[in-house]
Each structure stands twice: as structure tokens, then as C-alpha cells.
Amino acid sequence: MMGFIKLTSQVLNTIQLGLSFFVLFGADFTITGLQKLINVSIEQDNPDYNVDGYVSMGLIYLFFGIFLISGPSVISFVGPRVAMVIGSSMMTVFFFLFYFENTWLTYFGEITLYLTLKPTPSHFTSPFFGQYSLRL
């Protein structure tokens, strides 16, 4: 006879972690989907602005893959709280760079954003994003 799982603090933290990653990835895919629309809208207003969505995604995942290995080391060096502050700040900077409608600033913002923010489901994160701890 199967029983229910006892709801200990570790089980509740694991459920919270799963829901957190669900929301994070939903937000990430939403931003990725809207990025093409934002780029097309800016290009209609400013013909000099020429950001290609495929190049953007290629840069994002190239730098994400390269710097993914160094994430735990950087987090252990600066600490998870400082890492989360840096990651959140870079998200704000990324959105602010769209205001200037400059192609190279947009590419620079995408690279720095995904170096500092992109989480992965394996509890290892990119260099500056804080690692979620089950001991909270």
C-alpha cells in the first residue's frame, strides 16, 4: 500500500524550488519571445537599429555555455546575496539599454545579462546569479 510523502521542511523546500524554476523559466521564455517583437518595433522607428534575433540568441547561449562552468566558483567567492544583487542589477541594465536604440549596446546587454543571470535546473548557475539553497 502506497502512502503519502511526509511533508518535512526538505520536501517543502524542494517543492518551492521546483515552482521557482517553473516561474523563472516561464519568465525567461516570455522575455525571449518578446525580444523579437521589441527589436522589430525599434527598427521601425530607427532604421539604423538592426538586431537579428538569431544572432542575439546565438550570442546569449554561446556566452552562457562558456561561463556556466565558472558559476559555482564565482558564487562561492562573492557569496549568494551579492551574486543575486549583481544579477538583478544586470537585468535592469539590460532593459535600460533598449532605450538607446543602439545595435551594439543591445548585443552587449544580451551578453552581460546572460553571463550574470541565466539560471539552470542543475543548481549551478551562471557566474553572478545566486545559488538557491535548500537549507533556507
C-alpha atoms as a PDB file:
ATOM      1  CA  MET A   1       0.000   0.000   0.000  1.00  0.00           C
ATOM      2  CA  MET A   2       1.407   3.382  -1.028  1.00  0.00           C
ATOM      3  CA  GLY A   3       1.491   6.164   1.489  1.00  0.00           C
ATOM      4  CA  PHE A   4       1.745   9.871   1.131  1.00  0.00           C
ATOM      5  CA  ILE A   5       5.060  11.663   1.358  1.00  0.00           C
ATOM      6  CA  LYS A   6       5.641  13.187   4.771  1.00  0.00           C
ATOM      7  CA  LEU A   7       5.792  16.957   4.353  1.00  0.00           C
ATOM      8  CA  THR A   8       9.056  17.786   6.041  1.00  0.00           C
ATOM      9  CA  SER A   9      10.832  21.095   5.586  1.00  0.00           C
ATOM     10  CA  GLN A  10      13.131  19.497   2.981  1.00  0.00           C
ATOM     11  CA  VAL A  11      10.175  18.301   0.906  1.00  0.00           C
ATOM     12  CA  LEU A  12       8.507  21.715   1.110  1.00  0.00           C
ATOM     13  CA  ASN A  13      11.767  23.426   0.112  1.00  0.00           C
ATOM     14  CA  THR A  14      12.103  21.058  -2.844  1.00  0.00           C
ATOM     15  CA  ILE A  15       8.547  21.861  -3.956  1.00  0.00           C
ATOM     16  CA  GLN A  16       9.285  25.580  -3.589  1.00  0.00           C
ATOM     17  CA  LEU A  17      12.475  25.178  -5.631  1.00  0.00           C
ATOM     18  CA  GLY A  18      10.582  23.396  -8.410  1.00  0.00           C
ATOM     19  CA  LEU A  19       7.922  26.088  -8.552  1.00  0.00           C
ATOM     20  CA  SER A  20      10.590  28.800  -8.512  1.00  0.00           C
ATOM     21  CA  PHE A  21      12.354  27.298 -11.523  1.00  0.00           C
ATOM     22  CA  PHE A  22       8.985  26.900 -13.253  1.00  0.00           C
ATOM     23  CA  VAL A  23       8.318  30.638 -12.853  1.00  0.00           C
ATOM     24  CA  LEU A  24      11.901  31.622 -13.772  1.00  0.00           C
ATOM     25  CA  PHE A  25      11.882  29.634 -16.991  1.00  0.00           C
ATOM     26  CA  GLY A  26       8.429  30.925 -17.859  1.00  0.00           C
ATOM     27  CA  ALA A  27       9.658  34.496 -17.455  1.00  0.00           C
ATOM     28  CA  ASP A  28      12.825  33.732 -19.438  1.00  0.00           C
ATOM     29  CA  PHE A  29      10.914  32.254 -22.368  1.00  0.00           C
ATOM     30  CA  THR A  30       8.453  35.162 -22.291  1.00  0.00           C
ATOM     31  CA  ILE A  31      11.275  37.710 -22.494  1.00  0.00           C
ATOM     32  CA  THR A  32      12.936  35.703 -25.267  1.00  0.00           C
ATOM     33  CA  GLY A  33       9.682  35.662 -27.228  1.00  0.00           C
ATOM     34  CA  LEU A  34       9.056  39.370 -26.747  1.00  0.00           C
ATOM     35  CA  GLN A  35      12.604  40.318 -27.688  1.00  0.00           C
ATOM     36  CA  LYS A  36      11.943  39.807 -31.406  1.00  0.00           C
ATOM     37  CA  LEU A  37       8.822  41.988 -31.189  1.00  0.00           C
ATOM     38  CA  ILE A  38      10.744  44.714 -29.341  1.00  0.00           C
ATOM     39  CA  ASN A  39      13.573  44.611 -31.910  1.00  0.00           C
ATOM     40  CA  VAL A  40      11.153  44.885 -34.852  1.00  0.00           C
ATOM     41  CA  SER A  41       9.327  47.757 -33.163  1.00  0.00           C
ATOM     42  CA  ILE A  42      12.552  49.671 -32.550  1.00  0.00           C
ATOM     43  CA  GLU A  43      13.723  49.002 -36.123  1.00  0.00           C
ATOM     44  CA  GLN A  44      10.519  50.538 -37.497  1.00  0.00           C
ATOM     45  CA  ASP A  45      11.244  53.736 -35.576  1.00  0.00           C
ATOM     46  CA  ASN A  46      15.009  53.727 -36.152  1.00  0.00           C
ATOM     47  CA  PRO A  47      16.190  52.094 -39.418  1.00  0.00           C
ATOM     48  CA  ASP A  48      19.832  52.138 -38.222  1.00  0.00           C
ATOM     49  CA  TYR A  49      18.904  49.691 -35.447  1.00  0.00           C
ATOM     50  CA  ASN A  50      19.500  46.247 -36.935  1.00  0.00           C
ATOM     51  CA  VAL A  51      19.441  43.494 -34.307  1.00  0.00           C
ATOM     52  CA  ASP A  52      18.791  39.990 -35.604  1.00  0.00           C
ATOM     53  CA  GLY A  53      17.004  37.605 -33.262  1.00  0.00           C
ATOM     54  CA  TYR A  54      19.018  34.575 -34.358  1.00  0.00           C
ATOM     55  CA  VAL A  55      22.327  36.343 -33.758  1.00  0.00           C
ATOM     56  CA  SER A  56      21.056  37.505 -30.371  1.00  0.00           C
ATOM     57  CA  MET A  57      20.102  34.008 -29.283  1.00  0.00           C
ATOM     58  CA  GLY A  58      23.380  32.629 -30.629  1.00  0.00           C
ATOM     59  CA  LEU A  59      25.374  35.132 -28.557  1.00  0.00           C
ATOM     60  CA  ILE A  60      23.266  34.513 -25.486  1.00  0.00           C
ATOM     61  CA  TYR A  61      23.735  30.750 -25.493  1.00  0.00           C
ATOM     62  CA  LEU A  62      27.381  30.933 -26.599  1.00  0.00           C
ATOM     63  CA  PHE A  63      28.397  33.030 -23.606  1.00  0.00           C
ATOM     64  CA  PHE A  64      26.040  31.166 -21.307  1.00  0.00           C
ATOM     65  CA  GLY A  65      27.704  27.884 -22.244  1.00  0.00           C
ATOM     66  CA  ILE A  66      31.217  29.255 -21.928  1.00  0.00           C
ATOM     67  CA  PHE A  67      30.753  30.816 -18.500  1.00  0.00           C
ATOM     68  CA  LEU A  68      28.445  28.193 -16.995  1.00  0.00           C
ATOM     69  CA  ILE A  69      31.429  26.261 -15.686  1.00  0.00           C
ATOM     70  CA  SER A  70      32.706  29.184 -13.610  1.00  0.00           C
ATOM     71  CA  GLY A  71      29.364  29.884 -11.909  1.00  0.00           C
ATOM     72  CA  PRO A  72      29.796  27.941  -8.663  1.00  0.00           C
ATOM     73  CA  SER A  73      33.328  29.281  -8.185  1.00  0.00           C
ATOM     74  CA  VAL A  74      32.265  32.890  -8.603  1.00  0.00           C
ATOM     75  CA  ILE A  75      29.256  32.406  -6.314  1.00  0.00           C
ATOM     76  CA  SER A  76      31.443  30.894  -3.615  1.00  0.00           C
ATOM     77  CA  PHE A  77      33.842  33.850  -3.981  1.00  0.00           C
ATOM     78  CA  VAL A  78      31.329  36.730  -3.830  1.00  0.00           C
ATOM     79  CA  GLY A  79      28.554  34.974  -1.882  1.00  0.00           C
ATOM     80  CA  PRO A  80      24.982  34.256  -2.939  1.00  0.00           C
ATOM     81  CA  ARG A  81      23.484  37.564  -1.779  1.00  0.00           C
ATOM     82  CA  VAL A  82      25.975  39.717  -3.647  1.00  0.00           C
ATOM     83  CA  ALA A  83      25.575  37.451  -6.669  1.00  0.00           C
ATOM     84  CA  MET A  84      21.791  37.959  -6.659  1.00  0.00           C
ATOM     85  CA  VAL A  85      22.170  41.736  -6.357  1.00  0.00           C
ATOM     86  CA  ILE A  86      24.575  41.792  -9.314  1.00  0.00           C
ATOM     87  CA  GLY A  87      22.262  39.556 -11.364  1.00  0.00           C
ATOM     88  CA  SER A  88      19.205  41.695 -10.617  1.00  0.00           C
ATOM     89  CA  SER A  89      21.115  44.874 -11.417  1.00  0.00           C
ATOM     90  CA  MET A  90      22.192  43.492 -14.776  1.00  0.00           C
ATOM     91  CA  MET A  91      18.570  42.648 -15.649  1.00  0.00           C
ATOM     92  CA  THR A  92      17.695  46.305 -15.054  1.00  0.00           C
ATOM     93  CA  VAL A  93      20.679  47.473 -17.128  1.00  0.00           C
ATOM     94  CA  PHE A  94      19.651  45.136 -19.970  1.00  0.00           C
ATOM     95  CA  PHE A  95      16.183  46.682 -20.227  1.00  0.00           C
ATOM     96  CA  PHE A  96      17.606  50.186 -19.879  1.00  0.00           C
ATOM     97  CA  LEU A  97      19.934  49.631 -22.866  1.00  0.00           C
ATOM     98  CA  PHE A  98      16.928  49.264 -25.207  1.00  0.00           C
ATOM     99  CA  TYR A  99      16.214  52.941 -24.530  1.00  0.00           C
ATOM    100  CA  PHE A 100      19.299  53.998 -26.506  1.00  0.00           C
ATOM    101  CA  GLU A 101      18.246  52.072 -29.645  1.00  0.00           C
ATOM    102  CA  ASN A 102      21.845  51.187 -30.473  1.00  0.00           C
ATOM    103  CA  THR A 103      22.693  47.836 -32.076  1.00  0.00           C
ATOM    104  CA  TRP A 104      25.989  47.159 -30.345  1.00  0.00           C
ATOM    105  CA  LEU A 105      24.602  48.237 -26.947  1.00  0.00           C
ATOM    106  CA  THR A 106      21.768  45.737 -27.354  1.00  0.00           C
ATOM    107  CA  TYR A 107      24.192  42.916 -28.143  1.00  0.00           C
ATOM    108  CA  PHE A 108      26.402  43.969 -25.227  1.00  0.00           C
ATOM    109  CA  GLY A 109      23.398  43.976 -22.913  1.00  0.00           C
ATOM    110  CA  GLU A 110      22.354  40.489 -24.005  1.00  0.00           C
ATOM    111  CA  ILE A 111      25.830  39.101 -23.413  1.00  0.00           C
ATOM    112  CA  THR A 112      26.198  40.655 -19.967  1.00  0.00           C
ATOM    113  CA  LEU A 113      22.653  39.732 -18.973  1.00  0.00           C
ATOM    114  CA  TYR A 114      23.064  36.064 -19.709  1.00  0.00           C
ATOM    115  CA  LEU A 115      26.513  35.996 -18.153  1.00  0.00           C
ATOM    116  CA  THR A 116      25.072  37.237 -14.885  1.00  0.00           C
ATOM    117  CA  LEU A 117      21.523  35.940 -14.702  1.00  0.00           C
ATOM    118  CA  LYS A 118      20.694  32.774 -16.600  1.00  0.00           C
ATOM    119  CA  PRO A 119      19.743  30.007 -14.124  1.00  0.00           C
ATOM    120  CA  THR A 120      19.823  26.287 -14.902  1.00  0.00           C
ATOM    121  CA  PRO A 121      17.880  23.455 -13.289  1.00  0.00           C
ATOM    122  CA  SER A 122      21.010  21.671 -12.026  1.00  0.00           C
ATOM    123  CA  HIS A 123      21.515  24.073  -9.083  1.00  0.00           C
ATOM    124  CA  PHE A 124      24.557  25.525 -10.858  1.00  0.00           C
ATOM    125  CA  THR A 125      24.047  28.986 -12.191  1.00  0.00           C
ATOM    126  CA  SER A 126      25.881  31.427 -14.359  1.00  0.00           C
ATOM    127  CA  PRO A 127      28.653  33.441 -12.720  1.00  0.00           C
ATOM    128  CA  PHE A 128      26.769  36.014 -10.653  1.00  0.00           C
ATOM    129  CA  PHE A 129      23.300  34.612 -10.054  1.00  0.00           C
ATOM    130  CA  GLY A 130      22.824  33.332  -6.519  1.00  0.00           C
ATOM    131  CA  GLN A 131      22.548  29.609  -5.948  1.00  0.00           C
ATOM    132  CA  TYR A 132      19.307  28.594  -4.281  1.00  0.00           C
ATOM    133  CA  SER A 133      19.947  26.723  -1.050  1.00  0.00           C
ATOM    134  CA  LEU A 134      17.685  24.004   0.293  1.00  0.00           C
ATOM    135  CA  ARG A 135      18.750  24.959   3.828  1.00  0.00           C
ATOM    136  CA  LEU A 136      16.694  28.188   3.771  1.00  0.00           C
END
